[in-house]
Amino acid sequence: MVPRADATRAFNDALRAAMHGTVWVSGCRSGYLDRHGTPVTGPWTFQRSDADMAAVESDEYELIA
């Protein structure tokens, strides 16, 4: 199973929006950003991240063989 491209894009867009105004997306180059400038850390609480992982949306994934 892999995440669908549109689901990945939506997640990364939400991540960038949530990180807006923080030092993590200020234009710096660091190990906390991937090669596209997307933060590899999350702005959300552990509880939200845990809840998101517990409620996987199966339509956001595709099965590849």
PDB file of N, CA and C in Angstrom:
ATOM      1  N   MET A   1       0.835  -1.177   0.000  1.00  0.00           N
ATOM      2  CA  MET A   1       0.000   0.000   0.000  1.00  0.00           C
ATOM      3  C   MET A   1       0.878   1.238   0.000  1.00  0.00           C
ATOM      4  N   VAL A   2       0.493   2.204  -0.781  1.00  0.00           N
ATOM      5  CA  VAL A   2       1.190   3.488  -0.820  1.00  0.00           C
ATOM      6  C   VAL A   2       0.145   4.599  -0.779  1.00  0.00           C
ATOM      7  N   PRO A   3       0.503   5.730  -0.205  1.00  0.00           N
ATOM      8  CA  PRO A   3      -0.453   6.839  -0.200  1.00  0.00           C
ATOM      9  C   PRO A   3      -0.646   7.365  -1.615  1.00  0.00           C
ATOM     10  N   ARG A   4      -1.876   7.741  -1.920  1.00  0.00           N
ATOM     11  CA  ARG A   4      -2.173   8.316  -3.233  1.00  0.00           C
ATOM     12  C   ARG A   4      -1.476   9.665  -3.348  1.00  0.00           C
ATOM     13  N   ALA A   5      -1.109  10.039  -4.554  1.00  0.00           N
ATOM     14  CA  ALA A   5      -0.397  11.302  -4.782  1.00  0.00           C
ATOM     15  C   ALA A   5      -1.227  12.496  -4.316  1.00  0.00           C
ATOM     16  N   ASP A   6      -2.535  12.482  -4.576  1.00  0.00           N
ATOM     17  CA  ASP A   6      -3.359  13.610  -4.169  1.00  0.00           C
ATOM     18  C   ASP A   6      -3.480  13.699  -2.648  1.00  0.00           C
ATOM     19  N   ALA A   7      -3.517  12.562  -1.961  1.00  0.00           N
ATOM     20  CA  ALA A   7      -3.577  12.557  -0.499  1.00  0.00           C
ATOM     21  C   ALA A   7      -2.259  13.068   0.086  1.00  0.00           C
ATOM     22  N   THR A   8      -1.150  12.675  -0.521  1.00  0.00           N
ATOM     23  CA  THR A   8       0.155  13.147  -0.070  1.00  0.00           C
ATOM     24  C   THR A   8       0.270  14.653  -0.263  1.00  0.00           C
ATOM     25  N   ARG A   9      -0.176  15.130  -1.415  1.00  0.00           N
ATOM     26  CA  ARG A   9      -0.140  16.562  -1.699  1.00  0.00           C
ATOM     27  C   ARG A   9      -1.005  17.336  -0.696  1.00  0.00           C
ATOM     28  N   ALA A  10      -2.203  16.825  -0.415  1.00  0.00           N
ATOM     29  CA  ALA A  10      -3.099  17.484   0.541  1.00  0.00           C
ATOM     30  C   ALA A  10      -2.486  17.522   1.940  1.00  0.00           C
ATOM     31  N   PHE A  11      -1.857  16.426   2.358  1.00  0.00           N
ATOM     32  CA  PHE A  11      -1.208  16.393   3.666  1.00  0.00           C
ATOM     33  C   PHE A  11      -0.073  17.407   3.722  1.00  0.00           C
ATOM     34  N   ASN A  12       0.780  17.427   2.702  1.00  0.00           N
ATOM     35  CA  ASN A  12       1.910  18.359   2.687  1.00  0.00           C
ATOM     36  C   ASN A  12       1.437  19.810   2.642  1.00  0.00           C
ATOM     37  N   ASP A  13       0.344  20.084   1.921  1.00  0.00           N
ATOM     38  CA  ASP A  13      -0.212  21.441   1.895  1.00  0.00           C
ATOM     39  C   ASP A  13      -0.706  21.833   3.286  1.00  0.00           C
ATOM     40  N   ALA A  14      -1.400  20.917   3.981  1.00  0.00           N
ATOM     41  CA  ALA A  14      -1.879  21.183   5.337  1.00  0.00           C
ATOM     42  C   ALA A  14      -0.714  21.371   6.291  1.00  0.00           C
ATOM     43  N   LEU A  15       0.330  20.586   6.120  1.00  0.00           N
ATOM     44  CA  LEU A  15       1.521  20.694   6.956  1.00  0.00           C
ATOM     45  C   LEU A  15       2.174  22.064   6.781  1.00  0.00           C
ATOM     46  N   ARG A  16       2.364  22.477   5.524  1.00  0.00           N
ATOM     47  CA  ARG A  16       2.971  23.791   5.280  1.00  0.00           C
ATOM     48  C   ARG A  16       2.106  24.913   5.843  1.00  0.00           C
ATOM     49  N   ALA A  17       0.792  24.807   5.679  1.00  0.00           N
ATOM     50  CA  ALA A  17      -0.115  25.843   6.193  1.00  0.00           C
ATOM     51  C   ALA A  17      -0.055  25.915   7.719  1.00  0.00           C
ATOM     52  N   ALA A  18      -0.020  24.761   8.372  1.00  0.00           N
ATOM     53  CA  ALA A  18       0.035  24.728   9.829  1.00  0.00           C
ATOM     54  C   ALA A  18       1.365  25.244  10.356  1.00  0.00           C
ATOM     55  N   MET A  19       2.415  25.122   9.565  1.00  0.00           N
ATOM     56  CA  MET A  19       3.740  25.563   9.986  1.00  0.00           C
ATOM     57  C   MET A  19       4.006  27.024   9.604  1.00  0.00           C
ATOM     58  N   HIS A  20       3.071  27.649   8.885  1.00  0.00           N
ATOM     59  CA  HIS A  20       3.248  29.029   8.445  1.00  0.00           C
ATOM     60  C   HIS A  20       3.561  29.931   9.639  1.00  0.00           C
ATOM     61  N   GLY A  21       4.536  30.781   9.465  1.00  0.00           N
ATOM     62  CA  GLY A  21       4.908  31.719  10.508  1.00  0.00           C
ATOM     63  C   GLY A  21       5.874  31.167  11.541  1.00  0.00           C
ATOM     64  N   THR A  22       6.287  29.919  11.378  1.00  0.00           N
ATOM     65  CA  THR A  22       7.244  29.334  12.314  1.00  0.00           C
ATOM     66  C   THR A  22       8.649  29.385  11.713  1.00  0.00           C
ATOM     67  N   VAL A  23       9.627  29.191  12.541  1.00  0.00           N
ATOM     68  CA  VAL A  23      11.007  29.182  12.086  1.00  0.00           C
ATOM     69  C   VAL A  23      11.258  28.029  11.104  1.00  0.00           C
ATOM     70  N   TRP A  24      10.457  26.981  11.185  1.00  0.00           N
ATOM     71  CA  TRP A  24      10.678  25.805  10.351  1.00  0.00           C
ATOM     72  C   TRP A  24      10.464  26.080   8.872  1.00  0.00           C
ATOM     73  N   VAL A  25       9.685  27.089   8.533  1.00  0.00           N
ATOM     74  CA  VAL A  25       9.427  27.388   7.121  1.00  0.00           C
ATOM     75  C   VAL A  25       9.807  28.831   6.788  1.00  0.00           C
ATOM     76  N   SER A  26      10.855  29.313   7.409  1.00  0.00           N
ATOM     77  CA  SER A  26      11.277  30.703   7.232  1.00  0.00           C
ATOM     78  C   SER A  26      12.229  30.891   6.057  1.00  0.00           C
ATOM     79  N   GLY A  27      12.464  29.837   5.301  1.00  0.00           N
ATOM     80  CA  GLY A  27      13.370  29.935   4.165  1.00  0.00           C
ATOM     81  C   GLY A  27      14.761  29.407   4.463  1.00  0.00           C
ATOM     82  N   CYS A  28      14.948  28.928   5.674  1.00  0.00           N
ATOM     83  CA  CYS A  28      16.252  28.384   6.033  1.00  0.00           C
ATOM     84  C   CYS A  28      16.455  27.020   5.390  1.00  0.00           C
ATOM     85  N   ARG A  29      17.664  26.548   5.407  1.00  0.00           N
ATOM     86  CA  ARG A  29      17.968  25.196   4.938  1.00  0.00           C
ATOM     87  C   ARG A  29      18.446  24.426   6.156  1.00  0.00           C
ATOM     88  N   SER A  30      17.779  23.326   6.447  1.00  0.00           N
ATOM     89  CA  SER A  30      18.173  22.541   7.613  1.00  0.00           C
ATOM     90  C   SER A  30      17.782  21.088   7.419  1.00  0.00           C
ATOM     91  N   GLY A  31      18.185  20.277   8.337  1.00  0.00           N
ATOM     92  CA  GLY A  31      17.833  18.863   8.314  1.00  0.00           C
ATOM     93  C   GLY A  31      16.373  18.613   8.653  1.00  0.00           C
ATOM     94  N   TYR A  32      15.658  19.674   9.032  1.00  0.00           N
ATOM     95  CA  TYR A  32      14.236  19.542   9.352  1.00  0.00           C
ATOM     96  C   TYR A  32      13.347  19.771   8.137  1.00  0.00           C
ATOM     97  N   LEU A  33      13.971  20.042   6.989  1.00  0.00           N
ATOM     98  CA  LEU A  33      13.224  20.251   5.747  1.00  0.00           C
ATOM     99  C   LEU A  33      13.698  19.247   4.714  1.00  0.00           C
ATOM    100  N   ASP A  34      12.760  18.735   3.915  1.00  0.00           N
ATOM    101  CA  ASP A  34      13.187  17.843   2.849  1.00  0.00           C
ATOM    102  C   ASP A  34      13.708  18.672   1.672  1.00  0.00           C
ATOM    103  N   ARG A  35      14.064  18.028   0.607  1.00  0.00           N
ATOM    104  CA  ARG A  35      14.668  18.735  -0.532  1.00  0.00           C
ATOM    105  C   ARG A  35      13.709  19.713  -1.210  1.00  0.00           C
ATOM    106  N   HIS A  36      12.402  19.579  -0.916  1.00  0.00           N
ATOM    107  CA  HIS A  36      11.404  20.485  -1.478  1.00  0.00           C
ATOM    108  C   HIS A  36      11.021  21.594  -0.504  1.00  0.00           C
ATOM    109  N   GLY A  37      11.636  21.597   0.676  1.00  0.00           N
ATOM    110  CA  GLY A  37      11.315  22.601   1.677  1.00  0.00           C
ATOM    111  C   GLY A  37      10.127  22.236   2.562  1.00  0.00           C
ATOM    112  N   THR A  38       9.667  20.999   2.449  1.00  0.00           N
ATOM    113  CA  THR A  38       8.561  20.542   3.287  1.00  0.00           C
ATOM    114  C   THR A  38       9.113  20.098   4.634  1.00  0.00           C
ATOM    115  N   PRO A  39       8.551  20.610   5.739  1.00  0.00           N
ATOM    116  CA  PRO A  39       9.039  20.213   7.058  1.00  0.00           C
ATOM    117  C   PRO A  39       8.853  18.712   7.290  1.00  0.00           C
ATOM    118  N   VAL A  40       9.839  18.104   7.919  1.00  0.00           N
ATOM    119  CA  VAL A  40       9.741  16.687   8.260  1.00  0.00           C
ATOM    120  C   VAL A  40       9.302  16.508   9.708  1.00  0.00           C
ATOM    121  N   THR A  41       9.035  17.624  10.382  1.00  0.00           N
ATOM    122  CA  THR A  41       8.447  17.596  11.715  1.00  0.00           C
ATOM    123  C   THR A  41       6.999  18.027  11.575  1.00  0.00           C
ATOM    124  N   GLY A  42       6.211  17.783  12.578  1.00  0.00           N
ATOM    125  CA  GLY A  42       4.807  18.174  12.511  1.00  0.00           C
ATOM    126  C   GLY A  42       4.451  19.204  13.560  1.00  0.00           C
ATOM    127  N   PRO A  43       3.502  20.074  13.250  1.00  0.00           N
ATOM    128  CA  PRO A  43       3.084  21.104  14.186  1.00  0.00           C
ATOM    129  C   PRO A  43       2.013  20.627  15.156  1.00  0.00           C
ATOM    130  N   TRP A  44       1.514  19.436  14.921  1.00  0.00           N
ATOM    131  CA  TRP A  44       0.385  18.951  15.695  1.00  0.00           C
ATOM    132  C   TRP A  44       0.830  18.232  16.960  1.00  0.00           C
ATOM    133  N   THR A  45      -0.072  18.151  17.902  1.00  0.00           N
ATOM    134  CA  THR A  45       0.219  17.476  19.168  1.00  0.00           C
ATOM    135  C   THR A  45       0.375  15.981  18.936  1.00  0.00           C
ATOM    136  N   PHE A  46       0.993  15.327  19.903  1.00  0.00           N
ATOM    137  CA  PHE A  46       1.114  13.876  19.846  1.00  0.00           C
ATOM    138  C   PHE A  46      -0.269  13.241  19.802  1.00  0.00           C
ATOM    139  N   GLN A  47      -1.206  13.781  20.568  1.00  0.00           N
ATOM    140  CA  GLN A  47      -2.550  13.216  20.611  1.00  0.00           C
ATOM    141  C   GLN A  47      -3.226  13.276  19.242  1.00  0.00           C
ATOM    142  N   ARG A  48      -3.067  14.383  18.533  1.00  0.00           N
ATOM    143  CA  ARG A  48      -3.662  14.472  17.198  1.00  0.00           C
ATOM    144  C   ARG A  48      -2.976  13.508  16.239  1.00  0.00           C
ATOM    145  N   SER A  49      -1.654  13.458  16.285  1.00  0.00           N
ATOM    146  CA  SER A  49      -0.922  12.537  15.408  1.00  0.00           C
ATOM    147  C   SER A  49      -1.321  11.097  15.689  1.00  0.00           C
ATOM    148  N   ASP A  50      -1.468  10.760  16.957  1.00  0.00           N
ATOM    149  CA  ASP A  50      -1.884   9.414  17.346  1.00  0.00           C
ATOM    150  C   ASP A  50      -3.285   9.112  16.833  1.00  0.00           C
ATOM    151  N   ALA A  51      -4.204  10.070  16.969  1.00  0.00           N
ATOM    152  CA  ALA A  51      -5.576   9.885  16.480  1.00  0.00           C
ATOM    153  C   ALA A  51      -5.599   9.741  14.956  1.00  0.00           C
ATOM    154  N   ASP A  52      -4.787  10.532  14.263  1.00  0.00           N
ATOM    155  CA  ASP A  52      -4.717  10.430  12.801  1.00  0.00           C
ATOM    156  C   ASP A  52      -4.225   9.053  12.370  1.00  0.00           C
ATOM    157  N   MET A  53      -3.249   8.524  13.075  1.00  0.00           N
ATOM    158  CA  MET A  53      -2.723   7.201  12.737  1.00  0.00           C
ATOM    159  C   MET A  53      -3.725   6.095  13.061  1.00  0.00           C
ATOM    160  N   ALA A  54      -4.560   6.313  14.059  1.00  0.00           N
ATOM    161  CA  ALA A  54      -5.549   5.311  14.453  1.00  0.00           C
ATOM    162  C   ALA A  54      -6.753   5.292  13.510  1.00  0.00           C
ATOM    163  N   ALA A  55      -6.946   6.362  12.764  1.00  0.00           N
ATOM    164  CA  ALA A  55      -8.110   6.470  11.880  1.00  0.00           C
ATOM    165  C   ALA A  55      -7.650   6.620  10.433  1.00  0.00           C
ATOM    166  N   VAL A  56      -6.958   5.626   9.940  1.00  0.00           N
ATOM    167  CA  VAL A  56      -6.436   5.667   8.575  1.00  0.00           C
ATOM    168  C   VAL A  56      -7.587   5.677   7.577  1.00  0.00           C
ATOM    169  N   GLU A  57      -7.518   6.596   6.629  1.00  0.00           N
ATOM    170  CA  GLU A  57      -8.524   6.700   5.571  1.00  0.00           C
ATOM    171  C   GLU A  57      -8.079   5.806   4.408  1.00  0.00           C
ATOM    172  N   SER A  58      -8.698   4.650   4.282  1.00  0.00           N
ATOM    173  CA  SER A  58      -8.241   3.680   3.279  1.00  0.00           C
ATOM    174  C   SER A  58      -8.353   4.201   1.853  1.00  0.00           C
ATOM    175  N   ASP A  59      -9.263   5.157   1.597  1.00  0.00           N
ATOM    176  CA  ASP A  59      -9.384   5.689   0.235  1.00  0.00           C
ATOM    177  C   ASP A  59      -8.222   6.615  -0.135  1.00  0.00           C
ATOM    178  N   GLU A  60      -7.357   6.928   0.828  1.00  0.00           N
ATOM    179  CA  GLU A  60      -6.190   7.749   0.548  1.00  0.00           C
ATOM    180  C   GLU A  60      -4.979   6.909   0.139  1.00  0.00           C
ATOM    181  N   TYR A  61      -5.185   5.608   0.023  1.00  0.00           N
ATOM    182  CA  TYR A  61      -4.103   4.683  -0.321  1.00  0.00           C
ATOM    183  C   TYR A  61      -4.486   3.848  -1.524  1.00  0.00           C
ATOM    184  N   GLU A  62      -3.473   3.348  -2.195  1.00  0.00           N
ATOM    185  CA  GLU A  62      -3.712   2.409  -3.281  1.00  0.00           C
ATOM    186  C   GLU A  62      -2.808   1.205  -3.109  1.00  0.00           C
ATOM    187  N   LEU A  63      -3.318   0.074  -3.515  1.00  0.00           N
ATOM    188  CA  LEU A  63      -2.582  -1.175  -3.415  1.00  0.00           C
ATOM    189  C   LEU A  63      -1.803  -1.365  -4.703  1.00  0.00           C
ATOM    190  N   ILE A  64      -0.501  -1.562  -4.568  1.00  0.00           N
ATOM    191  CA  ILE A  64       0.323  -1.819  -5.747  1.00  0.00           C
ATOM    192  C   ILE A  64       0.882  -3.225  -5.642  1.00  0.00           C
ATOM    193  N   ALA A  65       1.112  -3.813  -6.765  1.00  0.00           N
ATOM    194  CA  ALA A  65       1.620  -5.186  -6.768  1.00  0.00           C
ATOM    195  C   ALA A  65       2.957  -5.247  -7.456  1.00  0.00           C
TER     196      ALA A  65
END
